[in-house]
Amino acid sequence: AMGWYRQAPGKQRVLVASVTSGGTTNYADSVKGRFTISRGDA
């Protein structure tokens, strides 16, 4: 799986989005509908 995390000043690092090799995606509630994660052809 590959994903993106983010960390704002003074806050903990949190998961933004992830995607497995099989194409299953997961998003933080705060970014649903706005962010899209995808795997490249590579």
Full PDB file with SEQRES, HELIX, SHEET, SSBOND, CRYST1, ORIGX, SCALE, CONECT and MASTER records, all heavy atoms in Angstrom:
SEQRES   1 A   42  ALA MET GLY TRP TYR ARG GLN ALA PRO GLY LYS GLN ARG          
SEQRES   2 A   42  VAL LEU VAL ALA SER VAL THR SER GLY GLY THR THR ASN          
SEQRES   3 A   42  TYR ALA ASP SER VAL LYS GLY ARG PHE THR ILE SER ARG          
SEQRES   4 A   42  GLY ASP ALA                                                  
HELIX    1 AA1 ASP A   29  VAL A   31  5                                   3    
SHEET    1 AA1 3 MET A   2  ARG A   6  0                                        
SHEET    2 AA1 3 VAL A  14  VAL A  19 -1                                        
SHEET    3 AA1 3 THR A  25  TYR A  27 -1                                        
CRYST1    1.000    1.000    1.000  90.00  90.00  90.00 P 1           1          
ORIGX1      1.000000  0.000000  0.000000        0.00000                         
ORIGX2      0.000000  1.000000  0.000000        0.00000                         
ORIGX3      0.000000  0.000000  1.000000        0.00000                         
SCALE1      1.000000  0.000000  0.000000        0.00000                         
SCALE2      0.000000  1.000000  0.000000        0.00000                         
SCALE3      0.000000  0.000000  1.000000        0.00000                         
ATOM      1  N   ALA A   1       0.832  -1.194   0.000  1.00  0.00           N  
ATOM      2  CA  ALA A   1       0.000   0.000   0.000  1.00  0.00           C  
ATOM      3  C   ALA A   1       0.867   1.245   0.000  1.00  0.00           C  
ATOM      4  O   ALA A   1       1.968   1.248   0.552  1.00  0.00           O  
ATOM      5  CB  ALA A   1      -0.929   0.012   1.213  1.00  0.00           C  
ATOM      6  N   MET A   2       0.353   2.309  -0.604  1.00  0.00           N  
ATOM      7  CA  MET A   2       1.009   3.604  -0.572  1.00  0.00           C  
ATOM      8  C   MET A   2       0.006   4.647  -0.115  1.00  0.00           C  
ATOM      9  O   MET A   2      -1.192   4.499  -0.351  1.00  0.00           O  
ATOM     10  CB  MET A   2       1.585   3.978  -1.934  1.00  0.00           C  
ATOM     11  CG  MET A   2       2.675   3.045  -2.425  1.00  0.00           C  
ATOM     12  SD  MET A   2       3.503   3.621  -3.929  1.00  0.00           S  
ATOM     13  CE  MET A   2       4.516   4.952  -3.256  1.00  0.00           C  
ATOM     14  N   GLY A   3       0.495   5.687   0.534  1.00  0.00           N  
ATOM     15  CA  GLY A   3      -0.411   6.697   1.029  1.00  0.00           C  
ATOM     16  C   GLY A   3       0.259   8.018   1.313  1.00  0.00           C  
ATOM     17  O   GLY A   3       1.471   8.181   1.126  1.00  0.00           O  
ATOM     18  N   TRP A   4      -0.572   8.954   1.749  1.00  0.00           N  
ATOM     19  CA  TRP A   4      -0.115  10.286   2.108  1.00  0.00           C  
ATOM     20  C   TRP A   4      -0.546  10.623   3.527  1.00  0.00           C  
ATOM     21  O   TRP A   4      -1.698  10.399   3.906  1.00  0.00           O  
ATOM     22  CB  TRP A   4      -0.679  11.335   1.149  1.00  0.00           C  
ATOM     23  CG  TRP A   4      -0.146  11.228  -0.245  1.00  0.00           C  
ATOM     24  CD1 TRP A   4      -0.667  10.522  -1.280  1.00  0.00           C  
ATOM     25  CD2 TRP A   4       1.040  11.855  -0.744  1.00  0.00           C  
ATOM     26  NE1 TRP A   4       0.108  10.666  -2.403  1.00  0.00           N  
ATOM     27  CE2 TRP A   4       1.160  11.477  -2.105  1.00  0.00           C  
ATOM     28  CE3 TRP A   4       2.003  12.699  -0.183  1.00  0.00           C  
ATOM     29  CZ2 TRP A   4       2.219  11.925  -2.905  1.00  0.00           C  
ATOM     30  CZ3 TRP A   4       3.045  13.135  -0.978  1.00  0.00           C  
ATOM     31  CH2 TRP A   4       3.147  12.750  -2.323  1.00  0.00           C  
ATOM     32  N   TYR A   5       0.384  11.148   4.297  1.00  0.00           N  
ATOM     33  CA  TYR A   5       0.131  11.661   5.630  1.00  0.00           C  
ATOM     34  C   TYR A   5       0.455  13.147   5.631  1.00  0.00           C  
ATOM     35  O   TYR A   5       1.164  13.640   4.753  1.00  0.00           O  
ATOM     36  CB  TYR A   5       1.006  10.945   6.664  1.00  0.00           C  
ATOM     37  CG  TYR A   5       0.626   9.507   6.935  1.00  0.00           C  
ATOM     38  CD1 TYR A   5       0.841   8.510   5.991  1.00  0.00           C  
ATOM     39  CD2 TYR A   5       0.063   9.138   8.161  1.00  0.00           C  
ATOM     40  CE1 TYR A   5       0.504   7.192   6.248  1.00  0.00           C  
ATOM     41  CE2 TYR A   5      -0.272   7.819   8.429  1.00  0.00           C  
ATOM     42  CZ  TYR A   5      -0.050   6.853   7.464  1.00  0.00           C  
ATOM     43  OH  TYR A   5      -0.381   5.548   7.731  1.00  0.00           O  
ATOM     44  N   ARG A   6      -0.064  13.862   6.626  1.00  0.00           N  
ATOM     45  CA  ARG A   6       0.288  15.265   6.748  1.00  0.00           C  
ATOM     46  C   ARG A   6       0.441  15.638   8.216  1.00  0.00           C  
ATOM     47  O   ARG A   6      -0.149  15.021   9.098  1.00  0.00           O  
ATOM     48  CB  ARG A   6      -0.754  16.166   6.076  1.00  0.00           C  
ATOM     49  CG  ARG A   6      -2.120  16.215   6.755  1.00  0.00           C  
ATOM     50  CD  ARG A   6      -3.090  17.027   5.913  1.00  0.00           C  
ATOM     51  NE  ARG A   6      -4.402  17.151   6.540  1.00  0.00           N  
ATOM     52  CZ  ARG A   6      -5.465  17.659   5.939  1.00  0.00           C  
ATOM     53  NH1 ARG A   6      -5.376  18.108   4.686  1.00  0.00           N  
ATOM     54  NH2 ARG A   6      -6.629  17.747   6.585  1.00  0.00           N  
ATOM     55  N   GLN A   7       1.250  16.660   8.446  1.00  0.00           N  
ATOM     56  CA  GLN A   7       1.494  17.141   9.800  1.00  0.00           C  
ATOM     57  C   GLN A   7       1.526  18.661   9.799  1.00  0.00           C  
ATOM     58  O   GLN A   7       2.375  19.274   9.158  1.00  0.00           O  
ATOM     59  CB  GLN A   7       2.808  16.579  10.345  1.00  0.00           C  
ATOM     60  CG  GLN A   7       3.069  16.922  11.793  1.00  0.00           C  
ATOM     61  CD  GLN A   7       4.231  16.133  12.369  1.00  0.00           C  
ATOM     62  OE1 GLN A   7       5.090  15.649  11.643  1.00  0.00           O  
ATOM     63  NE2 GLN A   7       4.255  15.999  13.679  1.00  0.00           N  
ATOM     64  N   ALA A   8       0.580  19.255  10.505  1.00  0.00           N  
ATOM     65  CA  ALA A   8       0.521  20.694  10.660  1.00  0.00           C  
ATOM     66  C   ALA A   8       1.335  21.097  11.887  1.00  0.00           C  
ATOM     67  O   ALA A   8       1.552  20.281  12.788  1.00  0.00           O  
ATOM     68  CB  ALA A   8      -0.926  21.156  10.805  1.00  0.00           C  
ATOM     69  N   PRO A   9       1.792  22.347  11.950  1.00  0.00           N  
ATOM     70  CA  PRO A   9       2.575  22.798  13.104  1.00  0.00           C  
ATOM     71  C   PRO A   9       1.849  22.559  14.423  1.00  0.00           C  
ATOM     72  O   PRO A   9       0.687  22.913  14.572  1.00  0.00           O  
ATOM     73  CB  PRO A   9       2.763  24.291  12.838  1.00  0.00           C  
ATOM     74  CG  PRO A   9       2.698  24.417  11.354  1.00  0.00           C  
ATOM     75  CD  PRO A   9       1.657  23.412  10.939  1.00  0.00           C  
ATOM     76  N   GLY A  10       2.539  21.942  15.373  1.00  0.00           N  
ATOM     77  CA  GLY A  10       1.966  21.687  16.677  1.00  0.00           C  
ATOM     78  C   GLY A  10       0.991  20.535  16.741  1.00  0.00           C  
ATOM     79  O   GLY A  10       0.376  20.312  17.793  1.00  0.00           O  
ATOM     80  N   LYS A  11       0.826  19.799  15.654  1.00  0.00           N  
ATOM     81  CA  LYS A  11      -0.105  18.684  15.622  1.00  0.00           C  
ATOM     82  C   LYS A  11       0.587  17.389  15.229  1.00  0.00           C  
ATOM     83  O   LYS A  11       1.703  17.389  14.723  1.00  0.00           O  
ATOM     84  CB  LYS A  11      -1.259  18.974  14.658  1.00  0.00           C  
ATOM     85  CG  LYS A  11      -2.130  20.155  15.064  1.00  0.00           C  
ATOM     86  CD  LYS A  11      -3.321  20.300  14.156  1.00  0.00           C  
ATOM     87  CE  LYS A  11      -4.225  21.427  14.604  1.00  0.00           C  
ATOM     88  NZ  LYS A  11      -5.421  21.560  13.722  1.00  0.00           N  
ATOM     89  N   GLN A  12      -0.095  16.266  15.484  1.00  0.00           N  
ATOM     90  CA  GLN A  12       0.445  14.958  15.146  1.00  0.00           C  
ATOM     91  C   GLN A  12       0.289  14.662  13.657  1.00  0.00           C  
ATOM     92  O   GLN A  12      -0.570  15.219  12.980  1.00  0.00           O  
ATOM     93  CB  GLN A  12      -0.255  13.869  15.961  1.00  0.00           C  
ATOM     94  CG  GLN A  12       0.000  13.939  17.461  1.00  0.00           C  
ATOM     95  CD  GLN A  12      -0.661  12.801  18.206  1.00  0.00           C  
ATOM     96  OE1 GLN A  12      -1.789  12.425  17.896  1.00  0.00           O  
ATOM     97  NE2 GLN A  12       0.038  12.244  19.182  1.00  0.00           N  
ATOM     98  N   ARG A  13       1.128  13.769  13.161  1.00  0.00           N  
ATOM     99  CA  ARG A  13       1.022  13.324  11.788  1.00  0.00           C  
ATOM    100  C   ARG A  13      -0.187  12.406  11.653  1.00  0.00           C  
ATOM    101  O   ARG A  13      -0.367  11.480  12.445  1.00  0.00           O  
ATOM    102  CB  ARG A  13       2.295  12.587  11.375  1.00  0.00           C  
ATOM    103  CG  ARG A  13       2.335  12.195   9.904  1.00  0.00           C  
ATOM    104  CD  ARG A  13       3.654  11.524   9.550  1.00  0.00           C  
ATOM    105  NE  ARG A  13       4.795  12.398   9.797  1.00  0.00           N  
ATOM    106  CZ  ARG A  13       6.053  12.083   9.518  1.00  0.00           C  
ATOM    107  NH1 ARG A  13       6.334  10.912   8.949  1.00  0.00           N  
ATOM    108  NH2 ARG A  13       7.030  12.931   9.785  1.00  0.00           N  
ATOM    109  N   VAL A  14      -1.024  12.679  10.656  1.00  0.00           N  
ATOM    110  CA  VAL A  14      -2.250  11.908  10.464  1.00  0.00           C  
ATOM    111  C   VAL A  14      -2.353  11.418   9.025  1.00  0.00           C  
ATOM    112  O   VAL A  14      -1.795  12.012   8.104  1.00  0.00           O  
ATOM    113  CB  VAL A  14      -3.506  12.732  10.815  1.00  0.00           C  
ATOM    114  CG1 VAL A  14      -3.504  13.123  12.285  1.00  0.00           C  
ATOM    115  CG2 VAL A  14      -3.587  13.975   9.940  1.00  0.00           C  
ATOM    116  N   LEU A  15      -3.099  10.346   8.853  1.00  0.00           N  
ATOM    117  CA  LEU A  15      -3.330   9.786   7.527  1.00  0.00           C  
ATOM    118  C   LEU A  15      -4.283  10.673   6.743  1.00  0.00           C  
ATOM    119  O   LEU A  15      -5.329  11.074   7.245  1.00  0.00           O  
ATOM    120  CB  LEU A  15      -3.908   8.374   7.641  1.00  0.00           C  
ATOM    121  CG  LEU A  15      -4.338   7.719   6.329  1.00  0.00           C  
ATOM    122  CD1 LEU A  15      -3.122   7.396   5.471  1.00  0.00           C  
ATOM    123  CD2 LEU A  15      -5.155   6.456   6.597  1.00  0.00           C  
ATOM    124  N   VAL A  16      -3.932  10.955   5.501  1.00  0.00           N  
ATOM    125  CA  VAL A  16      -4.793  11.702   4.592  1.00  0.00           C  
ATOM    126  C   VAL A  16      -5.521  10.737   3.666  1.00  0.00           C  
ATOM    127  O   VAL A  16      -6.750  10.792   3.530  1.00  0.00           O  
ATOM    128  CB  VAL A  16      -3.991  12.719   3.763  1.00  0.00           C  
ATOM    129  CG1 VAL A  16      -4.895  13.420   2.756  1.00  0.00           C  
ATOM    130  CG2 VAL A  16      -3.318  13.734   4.677  1.00  0.00           C  
ATOM    131  N   ALA A  17      -4.781   9.866   3.007  1.00  0.00           N  
ATOM    132  CA  ALA A  17      -5.358   8.899   2.077  1.00  0.00           C  
ATOM    133  C   ALA A  17      -4.371   7.780   1.819  1.00  0.00           C  
ATOM    134  O   ALA A  17      -3.159   7.971   1.920  1.00  0.00           O  
ATOM    135  CB  ALA A  17      -5.749   9.579   0.760  1.00  0.00           C  
ATOM    136  N   SER A  18      -4.887   6.613   1.485  1.00  0.00           N  
ATOM    137  CA  SER A  18      -4.042   5.479   1.150  1.00  0.00           C  
ATOM    138  C   SER A  18      -4.717   4.629   0.087  1.00  0.00           C  
ATOM    139  O   SER A  18      -5.938   4.685  -0.089  1.00  0.00           O  
ATOM    140  CB  SER A  18      -3.733   4.629   2.389  1.00  0.00           C  
ATOM    141  OG  SER A  18      -4.909   4.034   2.901  1.00  0.00           O  
ATOM    142  N   VAL A  19      -3.921   3.847  -0.611  1.00  0.00           N  
ATOM    143  CA  VAL A  19      -4.442   2.944  -1.629  1.00  0.00           C  
ATOM    144  C   VAL A  19      -3.602   1.671  -1.625  1.00  0.00           C  
ATOM    145  O   VAL A  19      -2.367   1.731  -1.558  1.00  0.00           O  
ATOM    146  CB  VAL A  19      -4.444   3.608  -3.028  1.00  0.00           C  
ATOM    147  CG1 VAL A  19      -3.043   4.068  -3.433  1.00  0.00           C  
ATOM    148  CG2 VAL A  19      -5.018   2.664  -4.070  1.00  0.00           C  
ATOM    149  N   THR A  20      -4.258   0.516  -1.688  1.00  0.00           N  
ATOM    150  CA  THR A  20      -3.562  -0.756  -1.698  1.00  0.00           C  
ATOM    151  C   THR A  20      -3.216  -1.154  -3.122  1.00  0.00           C  
ATOM    152  O   THR A  20      -3.676  -0.555  -4.093  1.00  0.00           O  
ATOM    153  CB  THR A  20      -4.408  -1.858  -1.063  1.00  0.00           C  
ATOM    154  OG1 THR A  20      -5.538  -2.140  -1.900  1.00  0.00           O  
ATOM    155  CG2 THR A  20      -4.904  -1.437   0.314  1.00  0.00           C  
ATOM    156  N   SER A  21      -2.412  -2.195  -3.241  1.00  0.00           N  
ATOM    157  CA  SER A  21      -2.051  -2.699  -4.562  1.00  0.00           C  
ATOM    158  C   SER A  21      -3.272  -3.209  -5.318  1.00  0.00           C  
ATOM    159  O   SER A  21      -3.263  -3.253  -6.549  1.00  0.00           O  
ATOM    160  CB  SER A  21      -1.012  -3.815  -4.434  1.00  0.00           C  
ATOM    161  OG  SER A  21      -1.505  -4.896  -3.660  1.00  0.00           O  
ATOM    162  N   GLY A  22      -4.327  -3.582  -4.591  1.00  0.00           N  
ATOM    163  CA  GLY A  22      -5.561  -4.041  -5.201  1.00  0.00           C  
ATOM    164  C   GLY A  22      -6.528  -2.928  -5.559  1.00  0.00           C  
ATOM    165  O   GLY A  22      -7.589  -3.197  -6.127  1.00  0.00           O  
ATOM    166  N   GLY A  23      -6.190  -1.680  -5.221  1.00  0.00           N  
ATOM    167  CA  GLY A  23      -7.024  -0.548  -5.581  1.00  0.00           C  
ATOM    168  C   GLY A  23      -7.968  -0.062  -4.500  1.00  0.00           C  
ATOM    169  O   GLY A  23      -8.744   0.869  -4.732  1.00  0.00           O  
ATOM    170  N   THR A  24      -7.930  -0.644  -3.318  1.00  0.00           N  
ATOM    171  CA  THR A  24      -8.785  -0.204  -2.224  1.00  0.00           C  
ATOM    172  C   THR A  24      -8.269   1.108  -1.653  1.00  0.00           C  
ATOM    173  O   THR A  24      -7.094   1.212  -1.304  1.00  0.00           O  
ATOM    174  CB  THR A  24      -8.839  -1.257  -1.111  1.00  0.00           C  
ATOM    175  OG1 THR A  24      -9.342  -2.487  -1.641  1.00  0.00           O  
ATOM    176  CG2 THR A  24      -9.747  -0.795   0.017  1.00  0.00           C  
ATOM    177  N   THR A  25      -9.143   2.113  -1.545  1.00  0.00           N  
ATOM    178  CA  THR A  25      -8.752   3.430  -1.056  1.00  0.00           C  
ATOM    179  C   THR A  25      -9.342   3.720   0.312  1.00  0.00           C  
ATOM    180  O   THR A  25     -10.376   3.176   0.698  1.00  0.00           O  
ATOM    181  CB  THR A  25      -9.185   4.532  -2.028  1.00  0.00           C  
ATOM    182  OG1 THR A  25     -10.608   4.479  -2.206  1.00  0.00           O  
ATOM    183  CG2 THR A  25      -8.506   4.355  -3.378  1.00  0.00           C  
ATOM    184  N   ASN A  26      -8.672   4.611   1.028  1.00  0.00           N  
ATOM    185  CA  ASN A  26      -9.111   5.033   2.346  1.00  0.00           C  
ATOM    186  C   ASN A  26      -8.793   6.516   2.493  1.00  0.00           C  
ATOM    187  O   ASN A  26      -7.689   6.948   2.156  1.00  0.00           O  
ATOM    188  CB  ASN A  26      -8.415   4.217   3.433  1.00  0.00           C  
ATOM    189  CG  ASN A  26      -8.892   4.570   4.824  1.00  0.00           C  
ATOM    190  OD1 ASN A  26     -10.079   4.779   5.039  1.00  0.00           O  
ATOM    191  ND2 ASN A  26      -7.965   4.627   5.775  1.00  0.00           N  
ATOM    192  N   TYR A  27      -9.765   7.310   2.999  1.00  0.00           N  
ATOM    193  CA  TYR A  27      -9.587   8.746   3.136  1.00  0.00           C  
ATOM    194  C   TYR A  27      -9.955   9.219   4.530  1.00  0.00           C  
ATOM    195  O   TYR A  27     -10.863   8.681   5.169  1.00  0.00           O  
ATOM    196  CB  TYR A  27     -10.463   9.508   2.140  1.00  0.00           C  
ATOM    197  CG  TYR A  27     -10.132   9.277   0.688  1.00  0.00           C  
ATOM    198  CD1 TYR A  27     -10.777   8.286  -0.043  1.00  0.00           C  
ATOM    199  CD2 TYR A  27      -9.185  10.069   0.040  1.00  0.00           C  
ATOM    200  CE1 TYR A  27     -10.480   8.083  -1.379  1.00  0.00           C  
ATOM    201  CE2 TYR A  27      -8.888   9.876  -1.297  1.00  0.00           C  
ATOM    202  CZ  TYR A  27      -9.540   8.874  -2.003  1.00  0.00           C  
ATOM    203  OH  TYR A  27      -9.245   8.680  -3.338  1.00  0.00           O  
ATOM    204  N   ALA A  28      -9.257  10.243   4.982  1.00  0.00           N  
ATOM    205  CA  ALA A  28      -9.662  10.928   6.195  1.00  0.00           C  
ATOM    206  C   ALA A  28     -10.970  11.653   5.930  1.00  0.00           C  
ATOM    207  O   ALA A  28     -11.214  12.137   4.819  1.00  0.00           O  
ATOM    208  CB  ALA A  28      -8.593  11.917   6.635  1.00  0.00           C  
ATOM    209  N   ASP A  29     -11.834  11.741   6.940  1.00  0.00           N  
ATOM    210  CA  ASP A  29     -13.127  12.395   6.769  1.00  0.00           C  
ATOM    211  C   ASP A  29     -12.988  13.834   6.292  1.00  0.00           C  
ATOM    212  O   ASP A  29     -13.821  14.332   5.527  1.00  0.00           O  
ATOM    213  CB  ASP A  29     -13.913  12.369   8.080  1.00  0.00           C  
ATOM    214  CG  ASP A  29     -14.410  10.984   8.440  1.00  0.00           C  
ATOM    215  OD1 ASP A  29     -14.503  10.125   7.538  1.00  0.00           O  
ATOM    216  OD2 ASP A  29     -14.717  10.760   9.622  1.00  0.00           O  
ATOM    217  N   SER A  30     -11.944  14.504   6.720  1.00  0.00           N  
ATOM    218  CA  SER A  30     -11.753  15.910   6.401  1.00  0.00           C  
ATOM    219  C   SER A  30     -11.447  16.174   4.928  1.00  0.00           C  
ATOM    220  O   SER A  30     -11.566  17.317   4.475  1.00  0.00           O  
ATOM    221  CB  SER A  30     -10.630  16.497   7.260  1.00  0.00           C  
ATOM    222  OG  SER A  30      -9.414  15.816   7.039  1.00  0.00           O  
ATOM    223  N   VAL A  31     -11.067  15.143   4.179  1.00  0.00           N  
ATOM    224  CA  VAL A  31     -10.702  15.345   2.772  1.00  0.00           C  
ATOM    225  C   VAL A  31     -11.594  14.587   1.804  1.00  0.00           C  
ATOM    226  O   VAL A  31     -11.417  14.714   0.585  1.00  0.00           O  
ATOM    227  CB  VAL A  31      -9.227  14.962   2.511  1.00  0.00           C  
ATOM    228  CG1 VAL A  31      -8.307  15.710   3.466  1.00  0.00           C  
ATOM    229  CG2 VAL A  31      -9.024  13.460   2.634  1.00  0.00           C  
ATOM    230  N   LYS A  32     -12.545  13.824   2.303  1.00  0.00           N  
ATOM    231  CA  LYS A  32     -13.436  13.064   1.435  1.00  0.00           C  
ATOM    232  C   LYS A  32     -14.208  13.993   0.498  1.00  0.00           C  
ATOM    233  O   LYS A  32     -14.742  15.009   0.916  1.00  0.00           O  
ATOM    234  CB  LYS A  32     -14.420  12.238   2.263  1.00  0.00           C  
ATOM    235  CG  LYS A  32     -13.797  11.044   2.953  1.00  0.00           C  
ATOM    236  CD  LYS A  32     -14.829  10.250   3.736  1.00  0.00           C  
ATOM    237  CE  LYS A  32     -14.206   9.038   4.394  1.00  0.00           C  
ATOM    238  NZ  LYS A  32     -15.189   8.279   5.206  1.00  0.00           N  
ATOM    239  N   GLY A  33     -14.233  13.621  -0.771  1.00  0.00           N  
ATOM    240  CA  GLY A  33     -14.911  14.430  -1.767  1.00  0.00           C  
ATOM    241  C   GLY A  33     -14.049  15.510  -2.375  1.00  0.00           C  
ATOM    242  O   GLY A  33     -14.435  16.110  -3.390  1.00  0.00           O  
ATOM    243  N   ARG A  34     -12.902  15.786  -1.772  1.00  0.00           N  
ATOM    244  CA  ARG A  34     -12.004  16.829  -2.271  1.00  0.00           C  
ATOM    245  C   ARG A  34     -10.685  16.267  -2.792  1.00  0.00           C  
ATOM    246  O   ARG A  34     -10.136  16.783  -3.760  1.00  0.00           O  
ATOM    247  CB  ARG A  34     -11.709  17.855  -1.178  1.00  0.00           C  
ATOM    248  CG  ARG A  34     -12.951  18.573  -0.663  1.00  0.00           C  
ATOM    249  CD  ARG A  34     -12.581  19.731   0.270  1.00  0.00           C  
ATOM    250  NE  ARG A  34     -11.869  19.277   1.462  1.00  0.00           N  
ATOM    251  CZ  ARG A  34     -10.637  19.659   1.799  1.00  0.00           C  
ATOM    252  NH1 ARG A  34      -9.980  20.521   1.030  1.00  0.00           N  
ATOM    253  NH2 ARG A  34     -10.079  19.209   2.909  1.00  0.00           N  
ATOM    254  N   PHE A  35     -10.172  15.231  -2.143  1.00  0.00           N  
ATOM    255  CA  PHE A  35      -8.889  14.633  -2.521  1.00  0.00           C  
ATOM    256  C   PHE A  35      -9.122  13.281  -3.185  1.00  0.00           C  
ATOM    257  O   PHE A  35     -10.067  12.558  -2.843  1.00  0.00           O  
ATOM    258  CB  PHE A  35      -7.999  14.421  -1.295  1.00  0.00           C  
ATOM    259  CG  PHE A  35      -7.488  15.685  -0.655  1.00  0.00           C  
ATOM    260  CD1 PHE A  35      -7.957  16.933  -1.032  1.00  0.00           C  
ATOM    261  CD2 PHE A  35      -6.521  15.609   0.339  1.00  0.00           C  
ATOM    262  CE1 PHE A  35      -7.487  18.092  -0.436  1.00  0.00           C  
ATOM    263  CE2 PHE A  35      -6.035  16.756   0.945  1.00  0.00           C  
ATOM    264  CZ  PHE A  35      -6.517  17.999   0.564  1.00  0.00           C  
ATOM    265  N   THR A  36      -8.233  12.931  -4.109  1.00  0.00           N  
ATOM    266  CA  THR A  36      -8.284  11.637  -4.769  1.00  0.00           C  
ATOM    267  C   THR A  36      -6.884  11.044  -4.836  1.00  0.00           C  
ATOM    268  O   THR A  36      -5.964  11.689  -5.334  1.00  0.00           O  
ATOM    269  CB  THR A  36      -8.854  11.741  -6.195  1.00  0.00           C  
ATOM    270  OG1 THR A  36     -10.167  12.311  -6.155  1.00  0.00           O  
ATOM    271  CG2 THR A  36      -8.934  10.356  -6.831  1.00  0.00           C  
ATOM    272  N   ILE A  37      -6.739   9.824  -4.338  1.00  0.00           N  
ATOM    273  CA  ILE A  37      -5.457   9.144  -4.390  1.00  0.00           C  
ATOM    274  C   ILE A  37      -5.499   8.090  -5.490  1.00  0.00           C  
ATOM    275  O   ILE A  37      -6.528   7.460  -5.725  1.00  0.00           O  
ATOM    276  CB  ILE A  37      -5.103   8.496  -3.033  1.00  0.00           C  
ATOM    277  CG1 ILE A  37      -3.657   7.995  -3.035  1.00  0.00           C  
ATOM    278  CG2 ILE A  37      -6.063   7.363  -2.696  1.00  0.00           C  
ATOM    279  CD1 ILE A  37      -3.155   7.578  -1.659  1.00  0.00           C  
ATOM    280  N   SER A  38      -4.389   7.899  -6.173  1.00  0.00           N  
ATOM    281  CA  SER A  38      -4.333   6.930  -7.253  1.00  0.00           C  
ATOM    282  C   SER A  38      -2.919   6.410  -7.439  1.00  0.00           C  
ATOM    283  O   SER A  38      -1.945   7.084  -7.082  1.00  0.00           O  
ATOM    284  CB  SER A  38      -4.843   7.537  -8.566  1.00  0.00           C  
ATOM    285  OG  SER A  38      -4.034   8.637  -8.957  1.00  0.00           O  
ATOM    286  N   ARG A  39      -2.812   5.199  -7.980  1.00  0.00           N  
ATOM    287  CA  ARG A  39      -1.527   4.604  -8.322  1.00  0.00           C  
ATOM    288  C   ARG A  39      -1.259   4.834  -9.795  1.00  0.00           C  
ATOM    289  O   ARG A  39      -2.160   4.744 -10.625  1.00  0.00           O  
ATOM    290  CB  ARG A  39      -1.514   3.111  -8.018  1.00  0.00           C  
ATOM    291  CG  ARG A  39      -1.703   2.739  -6.555  1.00  0.00           C  
ATOM    292  CD  ARG A  39      -0.444   3.045  -5.746  1.00  0.00           C  
ATOM    293  NE  ARG A  39       0.648   2.122  -6.050  1.00  0.00           N  
ATOM    294  CZ  ARG A  39       0.856   0.955  -5.434  1.00  0.00           C  
ATOM    295  NH1 ARG A  39       0.024   0.552  -4.480  1.00  0.00           N  
ATOM    296  NH2 ARG A  39       1.884   0.197  -5.773  1.00  0.00           N  
ATOM    297  N   GLY A  40      -0.017   5.121 -10.127  1.00  0.00           N  
ATOM    298  CA  GLY A  40       0.360   5.304 -11.509  1.00  0.00           C  
ATOM    299  C   GLY A  40       0.518   3.977 -12.218  1.00  0.00           C  
ATOM    300  O   GLY A  40       0.427   2.909 -11.612  1.00  0.00           O  
ATOM    301  N   ASP A  41       0.731   4.055 -13.537  1.00  0.00           N  
ATOM    302  CA  ASP A  41       0.956   2.826 -14.297  1.00  0.00           C  
ATOM    303  C   ASP A  41       2.178   2.091 -13.766  1.00  0.00           C  
ATOM    304  O   ASP A  41       2.214   0.857 -13.735  1.00  0.00           O  
ATOM    305  CB  ASP A  41       1.146   3.149 -15.781  1.00  0.00           C  
ATOM    306  CG  ASP A  41      -0.132   3.642 -16.432  1.00  0.00           C  
ATOM    307  OD1 ASP A  41      -1.217   3.321 -15.918  1.00  0.00           O  
ATOM    308  OD2 ASP A  41      -0.043   4.345 -17.456  1.00  0.00           O  
ATOM    309  N   ALA A  42       3.176   2.856 -13.365  1.00  0.00           N  
ATOM    310  CA  ALA A  42       4.323   2.274 -12.690  1.00  0.00           C  
ATOM    311  C   ALA A  42       3.919   1.890 -11.274  1.00  0.00           C  
ATOM    312  O   ALA A  42       3.272   2.654 -10.570  1.00  0.00           O  
ATOM    313  CB  ALA A  42       5.489   3.258 -12.666  1.00  0.00           C  
TER     314      ALA A  42                                                      
MASTER        0    0    0    1    3    0    0    6  313    1    0    4          
END                                                                             
